[in-house]
Amino acid sequence: MKLQWLVKPSLLETNELKSIGPSLKWMPRLIFFLFMKHFTIPMILINLQKLALSLLTDFWQMAKLDEYY
């Protein structure tokens, strides 16, 4: 696609005004998609880390209890 744009810049200039309307309609969805992509994946990783830490602390507490009995 980039090669075609380099070959035909005049075609891009004429279609540029026509493509502004639909692109504005898609902008909120694109922003939402990028937002979700950049913020949900770290949140999932953070939640997995919290889960792993809580499981480790639970096992550690159970091991400490086993030492007393």
PDB file of N, CA and C in Angstrom:
ATOM      1  N   MET A   1       0.832  -1.210   0.000  1.00  0.00           N
ATOM      2  CA  MET A   1       0.000   0.000   0.000  1.00  0.00           C
ATOM      3  C   MET A   1       0.872   1.267   0.000  1.00  0.00           C
ATOM      4  N   LYS A   2       1.949   1.251   0.768  1.00  0.00           N
ATOM      5  CA  LYS A   2       2.799   2.440   0.831  1.00  0.00           C
ATOM      6  C   LYS A   2       3.456   2.710  -0.512  1.00  0.00           C
ATOM      7  N   LEU A   3       3.796   1.643  -1.255  1.00  0.00           N
ATOM      8  CA  LEU A   3       4.399   1.831  -2.576  1.00  0.00           C
ATOM      9  C   LEU A   3       3.431   2.522  -3.518  1.00  0.00           C
ATOM     10  N   GLN A   4       2.147   2.144  -3.457  1.00  0.00           N
ATOM     11  CA  GLN A   4       1.150   2.791  -4.318  1.00  0.00           C
ATOM     12  C   GLN A   4       1.020   4.274  -3.981  1.00  0.00           C
ATOM     13  N   TRP A   5       1.081   4.600  -2.704  1.00  0.00           N
ATOM     14  CA  TRP A   5       0.972   6.010  -2.313  1.00  0.00           C
ATOM     15  C   TRP A   5       2.168   6.806  -2.834  1.00  0.00           C
ATOM     16  N   LEU A   6       3.348   6.186  -2.805  1.00  0.00           N
ATOM     17  CA  LEU A   6       4.533   6.889  -3.311  1.00  0.00           C
ATOM     18  C   LEU A   6       4.436   7.105  -4.821  1.00  0.00           C
ATOM     19  N   VAL A   7       3.852   6.123  -5.522  1.00  0.00           N
ATOM     20  CA  VAL A   7       3.747   6.230  -6.982  1.00  0.00           C
ATOM     21  C   VAL A   7       2.679   7.243  -7.376  1.00  0.00           C
ATOM     22  N   LYS A   8       1.537   7.224  -6.663  1.00  0.00           N
ATOM     23  CA  LYS A   8       0.423   8.102  -7.046  1.00  0.00           C
ATOM     24  C   LYS A   8       0.081   9.077  -5.909  1.00  0.00           C
ATOM     25  N   PRO A   9       0.872  10.121  -5.716  1.00  0.00           N
ATOM     26  CA  PRO A   9       0.531  11.094  -4.673  1.00  0.00           C
ATOM     27  C   PRO A   9      -0.691  11.942  -5.029  1.00  0.00           C
ATOM     28  N   SER A  10      -0.916  12.178  -6.338  1.00  0.00           N
ATOM     29  CA  SER A  10      -2.049  13.014  -6.745  1.00  0.00           C
ATOM     30  C   SER A  10      -3.369  12.309  -6.423  1.00  0.00           C
ATOM     31  N   LEU A  11      -3.415  10.989  -6.573  1.00  0.00           N
ATOM     32  CA  LEU A  11      -4.611  10.218  -6.247  1.00  0.00           C
ATOM     33  C   LEU A  11      -4.917  10.330  -4.753  1.00  0.00           C
ATOM     34  N   LEU A  12      -3.856  10.301  -3.946  1.00  0.00           N
ATOM     35  CA  LEU A  12      -4.013  10.440  -2.502  1.00  0.00           C
ATOM     36  C   LEU A  12      -4.575  11.820  -2.150  1.00  0.00           C
ATOM     37  N   GLU A  13      -4.077  12.859  -2.821  1.00  0.00           N
ATOM     38  CA  GLU A  13      -4.536  14.216  -2.529  1.00  0.00           C
ATOM     39  C   GLU A  13      -6.011  14.393  -2.857  1.00  0.00           C
ATOM     40  N   THR A  14      -6.489  13.797  -3.971  1.00  0.00           N
ATOM     41  CA  THR A  14      -7.894  13.958  -4.345  1.00  0.00           C
ATOM     42  C   THR A  14      -8.797  13.156  -3.400  1.00  0.00           C
ATOM     43  N   ASN A  15      -8.355  11.971  -3.001  1.00  0.00           N
ATOM     44  CA  ASN A  15      -9.178  11.138  -2.122  1.00  0.00           C
ATOM     45  C   ASN A  15      -9.058  11.532  -0.661  1.00  0.00           C
ATOM     46  N   GLU A  16      -8.114  12.401  -0.350  1.00  0.00           N
ATOM     47  CA  GLU A  16      -7.888  12.789   1.041  1.00  0.00           C
ATOM     48  C   GLU A  16      -9.112  13.480   1.639  1.00  0.00           C
ATOM     49  N   LEU A  17      -9.715  14.410   0.870  1.00  0.00           N
ATOM     50  CA  LEU A  17     -10.885  15.121   1.361  1.00  0.00           C
ATOM     51  C   LEU A  17     -12.079  14.182   1.526  1.00  0.00           C
ATOM     52  N   LYS A  18     -12.197  13.205   0.623  1.00  0.00           N
ATOM     53  CA  LYS A  18     -13.302  12.259   0.728  1.00  0.00           C
ATOM     54  C   LYS A  18     -13.143  11.330   1.931  1.00  0.00           C
ATOM     55  N   SER A  19     -11.891  11.001   2.280  1.00  0.00           N
ATOM     56  CA  SER A  19     -11.659  10.029   3.356  1.00  0.00           C
ATOM     57  C   SER A  19     -11.673  10.665   4.744  1.00  0.00           C
ATOM     58  N   ILE A  20     -11.700  11.987   4.828  1.00  0.00           N
ATOM     59  CA  ILE A  20     -11.704  12.640   6.141  1.00  0.00           C
ATOM     60  C   ILE A  20     -13.007  12.335   6.885  1.00  0.00           C
ATOM     61  N   GLY A  21     -14.138  12.357   6.190  1.00  0.00           N
ATOM     62  CA  GLY A  21     -15.431  12.109   6.823  1.00  0.00           C
ATOM     63  C   GLY A  21     -15.518  10.744   7.489  1.00  0.00           C
ATOM     64  N   PRO A  22     -15.305   9.648   6.744  1.00  0.00           N
ATOM     65  CA  PRO A  22     -15.365   8.319   7.368  1.00  0.00           C
ATOM     66  C   PRO A  22     -14.309   8.110   8.443  1.00  0.00           C
ATOM     67  N   SER A  23     -13.122   8.703   8.277  1.00  0.00           N
ATOM     68  CA  SER A  23     -12.067   8.505   9.270  1.00  0.00           C
ATOM     69  C   SER A  23     -12.454   9.154  10.597  1.00  0.00           C
ATOM     70  N   LEU A  24     -13.160  10.302  10.539  1.00  0.00           N
ATOM     71  CA  LEU A  24     -13.622  10.935  11.776  1.00  0.00           C
ATOM     72  C   LEU A  24     -14.637  10.052  12.483  1.00  0.00           C
ATOM     73  N   LYS A  25     -15.449   9.334  11.697  1.00  0.00           N
ATOM     74  CA  LYS A  25     -16.435   8.427  12.288  1.00  0.00           C
ATOM     75  C   LYS A  25     -15.744   7.260  13.008  1.00  0.00           C
ATOM     76  N   TRP A  26     -14.604   6.807  12.464  1.00  0.00           N
ATOM     77  CA  TRP A  26     -13.884   5.669  13.050  1.00  0.00           C
ATOM     78  C   TRP A  26     -12.925   6.080  14.163  1.00  0.00           C
ATOM     79  N   MET A  27     -12.660   7.379  14.297  1.00  0.00           N
ATOM     80  CA  MET A  27     -11.667   7.828  15.278  1.00  0.00           C
ATOM     81  C   MET A  27     -11.971   7.401  16.712  1.00  0.00           C
ATOM     82  N   PRO A  28     -13.206   7.575  17.229  1.00  0.00           N
ATOM     83  CA  PRO A  28     -13.462   7.150  18.612  1.00  0.00           C
ATOM     84  C   PRO A  28     -13.215   5.660  18.813  1.00  0.00           C
ATOM     85  N   ARG A  29     -13.593   4.842  17.808  1.00  0.00           N
ATOM     86  CA  ARG A  29     -13.371   3.401  17.930  1.00  0.00           C
ATOM     87  C   ARG A  29     -11.896   3.081  17.944  1.00  0.00           C
ATOM     88  N   LEU A  30     -11.119   3.784  17.110  1.00  0.00           N
ATOM     89  CA  LEU A  30      -9.674   3.559  17.049  1.00  0.00           C
ATOM     90  C   LEU A  30      -9.019   3.950  18.365  1.00  0.00           C
ATOM     91  N   ILE A  31      -9.416   5.104  18.910  1.00  0.00           N
ATOM     92  CA  ILE A  31      -8.864   5.567  20.187  1.00  0.00           C
ATOM     93  C   ILE A  31      -9.227   4.574  21.290  1.00  0.00           C
ATOM     94  N   PHE A  32     -10.486   4.107  21.280  1.00  0.00           N
ATOM     95  CA  PHE A  32     -10.927   3.146  22.285  1.00  0.00           C
ATOM     96  C   PHE A  32     -10.129   1.855  22.183  1.00  0.00           C
ATOM     97  N   PHE A  33      -9.917   1.382  20.926  1.00  0.00           N
ATOM     98  CA  PHE A  33      -9.163   0.147  20.706  1.00  0.00           C
ATOM     99  C   PHE A  33      -7.730   0.286  21.211  1.00  0.00           C
ATOM    100  N   LEU A  34      -7.088   1.422  20.874  1.00  0.00           N
ATOM    101  CA  LEU A  34      -5.711   1.640  21.320  1.00  0.00           C
ATOM    102  C   LEU A  34      -5.647   1.750  22.837  1.00  0.00           C
ATOM    103  N   PHE A  35      -6.645   2.441  23.424  1.00  0.00           N
ATOM    104  CA  PHE A  35      -6.714   2.586  24.875  1.00  0.00           C
ATOM    105  C   PHE A  35      -6.826   1.226  25.537  1.00  0.00           C
ATOM    106  N   MET A  36      -7.752   0.390  25.015  1.00  0.00           N
ATOM    107  CA  MET A  36      -7.948  -0.936  25.583  1.00  0.00           C
ATOM    108  C   MET A  36      -6.689  -1.778  25.424  1.00  0.00           C
ATOM    109  N   LYS A  37      -6.062  -1.670  24.253  1.00  0.00           N
ATOM    110  CA  LYS A  37      -4.871  -2.481  23.975  1.00  0.00           C
ATOM    111  C   LYS A  37      -3.730  -2.113  24.922  1.00  0.00           C
ATOM    112  N   HIS A  38      -3.563  -0.815  25.187  1.00  0.00           N
ATOM    113  CA  HIS A  38      -2.426  -0.386  25.998  1.00  0.00           C
ATOM    114  C   HIS A  38      -2.685  -0.496  27.488  1.00  0.00           C
ATOM    115  N   PHE A  39      -3.952  -0.514  27.907  1.00  0.00           N
ATOM    116  CA  PHE A  39      -4.221  -0.482  29.338  1.00  0.00           C
ATOM    117  C   PHE A  39      -4.763  -1.797  29.896  1.00  0.00           C
ATOM    118  N   THR A  40      -5.424  -2.628  29.074  1.00  0.00           N
ATOM    119  CA  THR A  40      -5.958  -3.873  29.628  1.00  0.00           C
ATOM    120  C   THR A  40      -4.872  -4.920  29.786  1.00  0.00           C
ATOM    121  N   ILE A  41      -3.919  -4.994  28.844  1.00  0.00           N
ATOM    122  CA  ILE A  41      -2.873  -6.021  28.936  1.00  0.00           C
ATOM    123  C   ILE A  41      -2.011  -5.818  30.190  1.00  0.00           C
ATOM    124  N   PRO A  42      -1.536  -4.582  30.497  1.00  0.00           N
ATOM    125  CA  PRO A  42      -0.815  -4.397  31.764  1.00  0.00           C
ATOM    126  C   PRO A  42      -1.686  -4.689  32.985  1.00  0.00           C
ATOM    127  N   MET A  43      -2.987  -4.343  32.925  1.00  0.00           N
ATOM    128  CA  MET A  43      -3.867  -4.617  34.058  1.00  0.00           C
ATOM    129  C   MET A  43      -3.980  -6.115  34.290  1.00  0.00           C
ATOM    130  N   ILE A  44      -4.094  -6.900  33.203  1.00  0.00           N
ATOM    131  CA  ILE A  44      -4.168  -8.358  33.337  1.00  0.00           C
ATOM    132  C   ILE A  44      -2.879  -8.883  33.954  1.00  0.00           C
ATOM    133  N   LEU A  45      -1.729  -8.365  33.499  1.00  0.00           N
ATOM    134  CA  LEU A  45      -0.444  -8.803  34.051  1.00  0.00           C
ATOM    135  C   LEU A  45      -0.333  -8.445  35.526  1.00  0.00           C
ATOM    136  N   ILE A  46      -0.778  -7.242  35.897  1.00  0.00           N
ATOM    137  CA  ILE A  46      -0.734  -6.814  37.301  1.00  0.00           C
ATOM    138  C   ILE A  46      -1.626  -7.719  38.148  1.00  0.00           C
ATOM    139  N   ASN A  47      -2.824  -8.054  37.634  1.00  0.00           N
ATOM    140  CA  ASN A  47      -3.718  -8.929  38.379  1.00  0.00           C
ATOM    141  C   ASN A  47      -3.119 -10.316  38.540  1.00  0.00           C
ATOM    142  N   LEU A  48      -2.440 -10.814  37.494  1.00  0.00           N
ATOM    143  CA  LEU A  48      -1.779 -12.120  37.605  1.00  0.00           C
ATOM    144  C   LEU A  48      -0.667 -12.071  38.646  1.00  0.00           C
ATOM    145  N   GLN A  49       0.083 -10.989  38.698  1.00  0.00           N
ATOM    146  CA  GLN A  49       1.137 -10.848  39.706  1.00  0.00           C
ATOM    147  C   GLN A  49       0.537 -10.834  41.104  1.00  0.00           C
ATOM    148  N   LYS A  50      -0.567 -10.103  41.289  1.00  0.00           N
ATOM    149  CA  LYS A  50      -1.216 -10.052  42.597  1.00  0.00           C
ATOM    150  C   LYS A  50      -1.704 -11.433  43.010  1.00  0.00           C
ATOM    151  N   LEU A  51      -2.287 -12.157  42.048  1.00  0.00           N
ATOM    152  CA  LEU A  51      -2.774 -13.504  42.328  1.00  0.00           C
ATOM    153  C   LEU A  51      -1.629 -14.416  42.740  1.00  0.00           C
ATOM    154  N   ALA A  52      -0.522 -14.348  42.000  1.00  0.00           N
ATOM    155  CA  ALA A  52       0.643 -15.179  42.319  1.00  0.00           C
ATOM    156  C   ALA A  52       1.190 -14.837  43.702  1.00  0.00           C
ATOM    157  N   LEU A  53       1.265 -13.540  44.025  1.00  0.00           N
ATOM    158  CA  LEU A  53       1.758 -13.127  45.340  1.00  0.00           C
ATOM    159  C   LEU A  53       0.840 -13.619  46.456  1.00  0.00           C
ATOM    160  N   SER A  54      -0.464 -13.522  46.248  1.00  0.00           N
ATOM    161  CA  SER A  54      -1.391 -13.965  47.294  1.00  0.00           C
ATOM    162  C   SER A  54      -1.301 -15.475  47.494  1.00  0.00           C
ATOM    163  N   LEU A  55      -1.140 -16.217  46.386  1.00  0.00           N
ATOM    164  CA  LEU A  55      -0.992 -17.672  46.521  1.00  0.00           C
ATOM    165  C   LEU A  55       0.289 -18.018  47.255  1.00  0.00           C
ATOM    166  N   LEU A  56       1.379 -17.317  46.922  1.00  0.00           N
ATOM    167  CA  LEU A  56       2.650 -17.574  47.608  1.00  0.00           C
ATOM    168  C   LEU A  56       2.550 -17.273  49.103  1.00  0.00           C
ATOM    169  N   THR A  57       1.912 -16.158  49.447  1.00  0.00           N
ATOM    170  CA  THR A  57       1.780 -15.811  50.865  1.00  0.00           C
ATOM    171  C   THR A  57       0.899 -16.833  51.581  1.00  0.00           C
ATOM    172  N   ASP A  58      -0.156 -17.323  50.890  1.00  0.00           N
ATOM    173  CA  ASP A  58      -1.007 -18.349  51.499  1.00  0.00           C
ATOM    174  C   ASP A  58      -0.212 -19.620  51.775  1.00  0.00           C
ATOM    175  N   PHE A  59       0.586 -20.049  50.800  1.00  0.00           N
ATOM    176  CA  PHE A  59       1.396 -21.256  50.988  1.00  0.00           C
ATOM    177  C   PHE A  59       2.410 -21.060  52.117  1.00  0.00           C
ATOM    178  N   TRP A  60       2.979 -19.850  52.177  1.00  0.00           N
ATOM    179  CA  TRP A  60       3.977 -19.555  53.202  1.00  0.00           C
ATOM    180  C   TRP A  60       3.342 -19.608  54.594  1.00  0.00           C
ATOM    181  N   GLN A  61       2.123 -19.021  54.723  1.00  0.00           N
ATOM    182  CA  GLN A  61       1.423 -19.041  56.006  1.00  0.00           C
ATOM    183  C   GLN A  61       1.047 -20.468  56.392  1.00  0.00           C
ATOM    184  N   MET A  62       0.631 -21.283  55.405  1.00  0.00           N
ATOM    185  CA  MET A  62       0.291 -22.671  55.699  1.00  0.00           C
ATOM    186  C   MET A  62       1.534 -23.447  56.136  1.00  0.00           C
ATOM    187  N   ALA A  63       2.674 -23.150  55.494  1.00  0.00           N
ATOM    188  CA  ALA A  63       3.921 -23.809  55.877  1.00  0.00           C
ATOM    189  C   ALA A  63       4.313 -23.421  57.306  1.00  0.00           C
ATOM    190  N   LYS A  64       4.115 -22.145  57.652  1.00  0.00           N
ATOM    191  CA  LYS A  64       4.422 -21.691  59.021  1.00  0.00           C
ATOM    192  C   LYS A  64       3.512 -22.396  60.024  1.00  0.00           C
ATOM    193  N   LEU A  65       2.222 -22.568  59.663  1.00  0.00           N
ATOM    194  CA  LEU A  65       1.298 -23.256  60.559  1.00  0.00           C
ATOM    195  C   LEU A  65       1.709 -24.720  60.734  1.00  0.00           C
ATOM    196  N   ASP A  66       2.182 -25.336  59.651  1.00  0.00           N
ATOM    197  CA  ASP A  66       2.613 -26.733  59.738  1.00  0.00           C
ATOM    198  C   ASP A  66       3.800 -26.887  60.669  1.00  0.00           C
ATOM    199  N   GLU A  67       4.659 -25.861  60.734  1.00  0.00           N
ATOM    200  CA  GLU A  67       5.825 -25.951  61.628  1.00  0.00           C
ATOM    201  C   GLU A  67       5.383 -25.976  63.092  1.00  0.00           C
ATOM    202  N   TYR A  68       4.305 -25.263  63.418  1.00  0.00           N
ATOM    203  CA  TYR A  68       3.874 -25.189  64.808  1.00  0.00           C
ATOM    204  C   TYR A  68       3.216 -26.476  65.264  1.00  0.00           C
ATOM    205  N   TYR A  69       2.527 -27.189  64.325  1.00  0.00           N
ATOM    206  CA  TYR A  69       1.802 -28.392  64.751  1.00  0.00           C
ATOM    207  C   TYR A  69       2.673 -29.613  64.700  1.00  0.00           C
TER     208      TYR A  69
END
